[in-house]
C-alpha atoms as a PDB file:
ATOM      1  CA  GLU A   1      -9.623   1.104  20.545  1.00  0.00           C
ATOM      2  CA  ARG A   2     -12.507   3.319  19.408  1.00  0.00           C
ATOM      3  CA  SER A   3     -10.147   4.872  16.794  1.00  0.00           C
ATOM      4  CA  LEU A   4      -9.171   1.498  15.369  1.00  0.00           C
ATOM      5  CA  THR A   5     -12.749   0.234  15.208  1.00  0.00           C
ATOM      6  CA  THR A   6     -13.854   3.373  13.470  1.00  0.00           C
ATOM      7  CA  ALA A   7     -11.079   3.074  10.975  1.00  0.00           C
ATOM      8  CA  LEU A   8     -11.981  -0.471  10.217  1.00  0.00           C
ATOM      9  CA  GLN A   9     -15.634   0.419   9.830  1.00  0.00           C
ATOM     10  CA  ALA A  10     -14.735   3.160   7.408  1.00  0.00           C
ATOM     11  CA  THR A  11     -12.777   0.635   5.172  1.00  0.00           C
ATOM     12  CA  PRO A  12     -15.149  -0.240   2.191  1.00  0.00           C
ATOM     13  CA  MET A  13     -14.486  -4.028   2.408  1.00  0.00           C
ATOM     14  CA  PHE A  14     -15.445  -4.027   6.087  1.00  0.00           C
ATOM     15  CA  GLU A  15     -18.472  -1.671   6.128  1.00  0.00           C
ATOM     16  CA  HIS A  16     -20.988  -4.340   5.790  1.00  0.00           C
ATOM     17  CA  LEU A  17     -19.726  -6.440   8.714  1.00  0.00           C
ATOM     18  CA  SER A  18     -21.406  -6.386  12.167  1.00  0.00           C
ATOM     19  CA  GLY A  19     -20.026  -4.747  15.130  1.00  0.00           C
ATOM     20  CA  ASP A  20     -18.970  -7.971  16.660  1.00  0.00           C
ATOM     21  CA  VAL A  21     -17.015  -9.047  13.720  1.00  0.00           C
ATOM     22  CA  ILE A  22     -15.258  -5.626  13.520  1.00  0.00           C
ATOM     23  CA  ASP A  23     -14.362  -6.033  17.210  1.00  0.00           C
ATOM     24  CA  LYS A  24     -12.795  -9.358  16.344  1.00  0.00           C
ATOM     25  CA  ILE A  25     -10.863  -7.993  13.550  1.00  0.00           C
ATOM     26  CA  ALA A  26      -9.667  -5.105  15.737  1.00  0.00           C
ATOM     27  CA  HIS A  27      -8.559  -7.379  18.394  1.00  0.00           C
ATOM     28  CA  GLU A  28      -6.140  -9.177  15.888  1.00  0.00           C
ATOM     29  CA  THR A  29      -4.978  -6.025  14.054  1.00  0.00           C
ATOM     30  CA  LEU A  30      -1.483  -4.582  14.527  1.00  0.00           C
ATOM     31  CA  PHE A  31      -0.507  -1.011  14.286  1.00  0.00           C
ATOM     32  CA  GLU A  32       2.900  -0.499  12.709  1.00  0.00           C
ATOM     33  CA  THR A  33       5.000   2.600  11.914  1.00  0.00           C
ATOM     34  CA  TYR A  34       7.775   2.575   9.303  1.00  0.00           C
ATOM     35  CA  GLY A  35      10.340   5.337   8.595  1.00  0.00           C
ATOM     36  CA  ASP A  36      10.988   8.442  10.637  1.00  0.00           C
ATOM     37  CA  PHE A  37       8.332  11.067  11.310  1.00  0.00           C
ATOM     38  CA  ASP A  38      11.269  13.566  11.229  1.00  0.00           C
ATOM     39  CA  TRP A  39      12.183  12.272   7.748  1.00  0.00           C
ATOM     40  CA  HIS A  40      12.828  15.837   6.286  1.00  0.00           C
ATOM     41  CA  THR A  41      16.078  16.313   8.221  1.00  0.00           C
ATOM     42  CA  SER A  42      17.828  13.326   6.578  1.00  0.00           C
ATOM     43  CA  TYR A  43      16.125  13.839   3.264  1.00  0.00           C
ATOM     44  CA  ILE A  44      17.940  17.146   2.537  1.00  0.00           C
ATOM     45  CA  ARG A  45      21.240  15.135   2.723  1.00  0.00           C
ATOM     46  CA  LEU A  46      19.862  12.157   0.701  1.00  0.00           C
ATOM     47  CA  SER A  47      18.290  14.418  -2.021  1.00  0.00           C
ATOM     48  CA  GLU A  48      21.871  15.181  -3.318  1.00  0.00           C
ATOM     49  CA  GLY A  49      22.485  11.570  -4.018  1.00  0.00           C
ATOM     50  CA  SER A  50      21.095   9.378  -6.742  1.00  0.00           C
ATOM     51  CA  ALA A  51      17.563   7.961  -7.054  1.00  0.00           C
ATOM     52  CA  GLN A  52      19.056   4.454  -6.086  1.00  0.00           C
ATOM     53  CA  ASP A  53      20.495   5.977  -2.908  1.00  0.00           C
ATOM     54  CA  ARG A  54      17.095   7.405  -2.015  1.00  0.00           C
ATOM     55  CA  LEU A  55      15.327   4.163  -2.706  1.00  0.00           C
ATOM     56  CA  SER A  56      17.836   2.237  -0.504  1.00  0.00           C
ATOM     57  CA  HIS A  57      16.867   4.555   2.485  1.00  0.00           C
ATOM     58  CA  GLU A  58      13.084   3.946   1.976  1.00  0.00           C
ATOM     59  CA  PRO A  59      12.153   1.444   4.786  1.00  0.00           C
ATOM     60  CA  VAL A  60      10.752  -1.765   3.347  1.00  0.00           C
ATOM     61  CA  ILE A  61       7.446  -2.777   4.786  1.00  0.00           C
ATOM     62  CA  VAL A  62       7.048  -5.997   2.745  1.00  0.00           C
ATOM     63  CA  SER A  63       9.239  -7.355  -0.070  1.00  0.00           C
ATOM     64  CA  GLU A  64       8.321  -9.035  -3.326  1.00  0.00           C
ATOM     65  CA  GLY A  65       8.467 -12.678  -2.753  1.00  0.00           C
ATOM     66  CA  ASP A  66       7.358 -12.532   0.851  1.00  0.00           C
ATOM     67  CA  TYR A  67       4.316 -14.515   2.042  1.00  0.00           C
ATOM     68  CA  PRO A  68       1.333 -12.212   2.322  1.00  0.00           C
ATOM     69  CA  ASP A  69       0.886 -12.668   6.154  1.00  0.00           C
ATOM     70  CA  GLY A  70      -1.574  -9.790   6.384  1.00  0.00           C
ATOM     71  CA  LEU A  71      -3.597  -7.080   4.611  1.00  0.00           C
ATOM     72  CA  LEU A  72      -2.013  -3.770   4.990  1.00  0.00           C
ATOM     73  CA  LEU A  73      -4.261  -0.702   5.483  1.00  0.00           C
ATOM     74  CA  ILE A  74      -2.534   2.550   5.095  1.00  0.00           C
ATOM     75  CA  ARG A  75      -3.495   5.061   7.950  1.00  0.00           C
ATOM     76  CA  SER A  76      -1.165   7.968   7.153  1.00  0.00           C
ATOM     77  CA  GLY A  77       1.844   8.804   5.130  1.00  0.00           C
ATOM     78  CA  PHE A  78       2.754   7.543   1.631  1.00  0.00           C
ATOM     79  CA  GLY A  79       4.081   4.332   0.139  1.00  0.00           C
ATOM     80  CA  ARG A  80       5.795   3.227  -3.040  1.00  0.00           C
ATOM     81  CA  ILE A  81       4.843  -0.036  -4.844  1.00  0.00           C
ATOM     82  CA  SER A  82       7.645  -1.361  -6.945  1.00  0.00           C
ATOM     83  CA  LYS A  83       8.663  -4.553  -8.831  1.00  0.00           C
ATOM     84  CA  SER A  84      12.114  -5.882  -9.332  1.00  0.00           C
ATOM     85  CA  ILE A  85      13.473  -5.291 -12.714  1.00  0.00           C
ATOM     86  CA  ASN A  86      16.996  -6.552 -13.451  1.00  0.00           C
ATOM     87  CA  ASN A  87      19.214  -4.966 -10.649  1.00  0.00           C
ATOM     88  CA  GLY A  88      16.649  -2.239  -9.796  1.00  0.00           C
ATOM     89  CA  HIS A  89      13.032  -1.501  -9.120  1.00  0.00           C
ATOM     90  CA  ARG A  90      10.254  -0.151 -11.332  1.00  0.00           C
ATOM     91  CA  THR A  91       7.767   2.089  -9.416  1.00  0.00           C
ATOM     92  CA  LEU A  92       4.227   0.957 -10.239  1.00  0.00           C
ATOM     93  CA  GLU A  93       2.135   3.015  -8.038  1.00  0.00           C
ATOM     94  CA  TYR A  94       2.155   5.418  -4.988  1.00  0.00           C
ATOM     95  CA  ILE A  95      -0.297   4.925  -2.245  1.00  0.00           C
ATOM     96  CA  GLY A  96      -1.528   7.048   0.694  1.00  0.00           C
ATOM     97  CA  ALA A  97      -4.122   7.030   3.406  1.00  0.00           C
ATOM     98  CA  GLY A  98      -7.074   4.815   2.812  1.00  0.00           C
ATOM     99  CA  SER A  99      -5.178   2.495   0.388  1.00  0.00           C
ATOM    100  CA  VAL A 100      -4.816  -1.294   0.970  1.00  0.00           C
ATOM    101  CA  PHE A 101      -1.902  -3.510  -0.067  1.00  0.00           C
ATOM    102  CA  GLY A 102      -1.726  -7.312  -0.517  1.00  0.00           C
ATOM    103  CA  MET A 103      -5.433  -7.922  -1.135  1.00  0.00           C
ATOM    104  CA  SER A 104      -5.018  -9.445  -4.653  1.00  0.00           C
ATOM    105  CA  GLU A 105      -2.594 -12.064  -3.429  1.00  0.00           C
ATOM    106  CA  ILE A 106      -4.730 -12.827  -0.390  1.00  0.00           C
ATOM    107  CA  ILE A 107      -7.837 -13.378  -2.548  1.00  0.00           C
ATOM    108  CA  SER A 108      -5.844 -15.455  -5.121  1.00  0.00           C
ATOM    109  CA  ASN A 109      -4.426 -17.780  -2.437  1.00  0.00           C
ATOM    110  CA  TRP A 110      -7.824 -18.104  -0.785  1.00  0.00           C
ATOM    111  CA  ARG A 111      -9.555 -18.983  -3.930  1.00  0.00           C
ATOM    112  CA  HIS A 112      -6.968 -21.478  -5.256  1.00  0.00           C
ATOM    113  CA  HIS A 113      -5.927 -22.888  -1.893  1.00  0.00           C
ATOM    114  CA  ASP A 114      -2.370 -21.746  -2.800  1.00  0.00           C
ATOM    115  CA  SER A 115       0.428 -19.854  -1.095  1.00  0.00           C
ATOM    116  CA  GLN A 116       1.746 -17.433  -3.748  1.00  0.00           C
ATOM    117  CA  PRO A 117       4.013 -14.739  -2.499  1.00  0.00           C
ATOM    118  CA  LEU A 118       3.638 -10.995  -2.902  1.00  0.00           C
ATOM    119  CA  ARG A 119       4.287  -9.904  -6.460  1.00  0.00           C
ATOM    120  CA  THR A 120       5.397  -6.372  -5.535  1.00  0.00           C
ATOM    121  CA  SER A 121       7.236  -4.627  -2.718  1.00  0.00           C
ATOM    122  CA  LEU A 122       5.988  -1.780  -0.456  1.00  0.00           C
ATOM    123  CA  ARG A 123       8.307   0.978   0.859  1.00  0.00           C
ATOM    124  CA  ALA A 124       7.669   3.937   3.148  1.00  0.00           C
ATOM    125  CA  LEU A 125       8.118   7.344   1.650  1.00  0.00           C
ATOM    126  CA  GLY A 126       9.456   9.269   4.697  1.00  0.00           C
ATOM    127  CA  TYR A 127       7.167   7.558   7.190  1.00  0.00           C
ATOM    128  CA  ILE A 128       3.929   5.617   7.100  1.00  0.00           C
ATOM    129  CA  ASP A 129       1.460   4.220   9.571  1.00  0.00           C
ATOM    130  CA  VAL A 130      -0.058   0.869   8.629  1.00  0.00           C
ATOM    131  CA  LEU A 131      -2.665  -1.364  10.127  1.00  0.00           C
ATOM    132  CA  ARG A 132      -1.818  -5.085   9.529  1.00  0.00           C
ATOM    133  CA  VAL A 133      -4.921  -7.407   9.539  1.00  0.00           C
ATOM    134  CA  PRO A 134      -3.612 -11.114   9.700  1.00  0.00           C
ATOM    135  CA  THR A 135      -4.406 -13.056   6.499  1.00  0.00           C
ATOM    136  CA  ARG A 136      -6.243 -15.786   8.377  1.00  0.00           C
ATOM    137  CA  ILE A 137      -8.649 -13.221   9.818  1.00  0.00           C
ATOM    138  CA  ILE A 138      -9.282 -11.845   6.243  1.00  0.00           C
ATOM    139  CA  GLU A 139      -9.904 -15.372   4.951  1.00  0.00           C
ATOM    140  CA  GLU A 140     -12.091 -16.422   7.884  1.00  0.00           C
ATOM    141  CA  LEU A 141     -14.152 -13.263   8.524  1.00  0.00           C
ATOM    142  CA  VAL A 142     -14.140 -11.063   5.425  1.00  0.00           C
ATOM    143  CA  LEU A 143     -13.709 -12.951   2.156  1.00  0.00           C
ATOM    144  CA  PRO A 144     -16.649 -15.373   2.568  1.00  0.00           C
ATOM    145  CA  THR A 145     -18.980 -12.320   3.104  1.00  0.00           C
ATOM    146  CA  LEU A 146     -17.953 -10.589  -0.133  1.00  0.00           C
ATOM    147  CA  SER A 147     -19.806 -10.931  -3.450  1.00  0.00           C
ATOM    148  CA  GLU A 148     -18.031 -12.261  -6.636  1.00  0.00           C
ATOM    149  CA  ASP A 149     -18.067  -8.666  -8.083  1.00  0.00           C
ATOM    150  CA  ALA A 150     -16.393  -7.240  -4.854  1.00  0.00           C
ATOM    151  CA  LEU A 151     -13.754 -10.017  -4.979  1.00  0.00           C
ATOM    152  CA  VAL A 152     -12.944  -9.215  -8.618  1.00  0.00           C
ATOM    153  CA  HIS A 153     -12.867  -5.559  -7.916  1.00  0.00           C
ATOM    154  CA  LEU A 154     -10.655  -5.897  -4.876  1.00  0.00           C
ATOM    155  CA  GLY A 155      -8.283  -8.385  -6.594  1.00  0.00           C
ATOM    156  CA  GLY A 156      -8.002  -6.223  -9.735  1.00  0.00           C
ATOM    157  CA  PHE A 157      -4.517  -4.888  -9.087  1.00  0.00           C
ATOM    158  CA  GLU A 158      -2.890  -8.176  -9.839  1.00  0.00           C
ATOM    159  CA  ASN A 159      -3.962  -7.912 -13.431  1.00  0.00           C
ATOM    160  CA  ARG A 160      -2.006  -4.647 -13.843  1.00  0.00           C
ATOM    161  CA  ILE A 161       1.179  -5.772 -12.254  1.00  0.00           C
ATOM    162  CA  ASP A 162       2.895  -7.153 -15.279  1.00  0.00           C
ATOM    163  CA  ASP A 163       1.652  -4.512 -17.648  1.00  0.00           C
ATOM    164  CA  GLU A 164       3.852  -1.648 -18.946  1.00  0.00           C
ATOM    165  CA  PRO A 165       2.949   1.612 -17.432  1.00  0.00           C
ATOM    166  CA  LYS A 166       0.118   3.207 -19.444  1.00  0.00           C
ATOM    167  CA  GLU A 167       0.286   6.898 -20.491  1.00  0.00           C
ATOM    168  CA  ASP A 168      -3.478   6.842 -20.701  1.00  0.00           C
ATOM    169  CA  ALA A 169      -3.748   6.252 -16.857  1.00  0.00           C
ATOM    170  CA  ASP A 170      -1.543   9.334 -16.336  1.00  0.00           C
ATOM    171  CA  LEU A 171      -3.603  11.350 -18.755  1.00  0.00           C
ATOM    172  CA  GLU A 172      -6.783  10.361 -16.956  1.00  0.00           C
ATOM    173  CA  ASN A 173      -5.321  11.710 -13.737  1.00  0.00           C
ATOM    174  CA  ASN A 174      -4.217  14.848 -15.602  1.00  0.00           C
ATOM    175  CA  ILE A 175      -0.707  14.478 -14.467  1.00  0.00           C
ATOM    176  CA  ASP A 176       2.413  13.475 -16.459  1.00  0.00           C
ATOM    177  CA  SER A 177       4.280  10.365 -15.103  1.00  0.00           C
ATOM    178  CA  GLY A 178       7.590  12.367 -15.062  1.00  0.00           C
ATOM    179  CA  LEU A 179       6.055  15.228 -13.064  1.00  0.00           C
ATOM    180  CA  LEU A 180       4.600  12.710 -10.645  1.00  0.00           C
ATOM    181  CA  GLU A 181       7.906  11.023 -10.261  1.00  0.00           C
ATOM    182  CA  PHE A 182       9.527  14.487  -9.718  1.00  0.00           C
ATOM    183  CA  LEU A 183       7.013  15.503  -7.018  1.00  0.00           C
ATOM    184  CA  VAL A 184       7.387  12.186  -5.102  1.00  0.00           C
ATOM    185  CA  GLU A 185      11.287  12.251  -5.358  1.00  0.00           C
ATOM    186  CA  HIS A 186      11.345  15.728  -3.812  1.00  0.00           C
ATOM    187  CA  ARG A 187       8.704  14.742  -1.221  1.00  0.00           C
ATOM    188  CA  TYR A 188       6.187  17.435  -2.168  1.00  0.00           C
ATOM    189  CA  ILE A 189       3.533  14.775  -1.469  1.00  0.00           C
ATOM    190  CA  ASN A 190       4.355  14.886   2.200  1.00  0.00           C
ATOM    191  CA  GLY A 191       3.200  18.485   2.633  1.00  0.00           C
ATOM    192  CA  THR A 192      -0.257  19.790   3.110  1.00  0.00           C
ATOM    193  CA  ALA A 193       0.037  22.654   0.664  1.00  0.00           C
ATOM    194  CA  THR A 194       2.350  23.554  -2.078  1.00  0.00           C
ATOM    195  CA  MET A 195       2.902  26.856  -3.954  1.00  0.00           C
ATOM    196  CA  LEU A 196       4.536  26.625  -7.325  1.00  0.00           C
ATOM    197  CA  ILE A 197       5.733  29.713  -9.211  1.00  0.00           C
END
């Protein structure tokens, strides 16, 4: 309980809330785990297959087209955000501990009194621990307390979803998109240290 409360208080969109409100949010929050903590044993076998085979073995946390029933806070592990393209998926972004998923759709639906579905899918890379805060709790206790600037900032990802990947973004992060894809596909991101020769 204390760990959950501390995790919620450390999340930027919750840090201004009172202890009582944080306790209410914590009471409704679900802790979920996807994938296998011992993912590396099966990954060696899967690594010999195609990228599509590996993608099919990544546990789906939420799918594009689902109703956003909660805000997902990534506690540990890594996830792949992707969008359906023809018969496959295009990777848009990788997220890790401290990231949130689903906020742009929740804000949009709250503002427009709508029920638009998720515009992207989230999959676990190996394993991932997630806190799921129900949408109704976010709409009732969090969104009314945020400034317009904060809402625009938190809902900003939706404006990038339909854009083509930008090379400039990769250059700003000083990593080539092909190299990033290689590191993720070979699960170097799941380690704590890597030595490259």
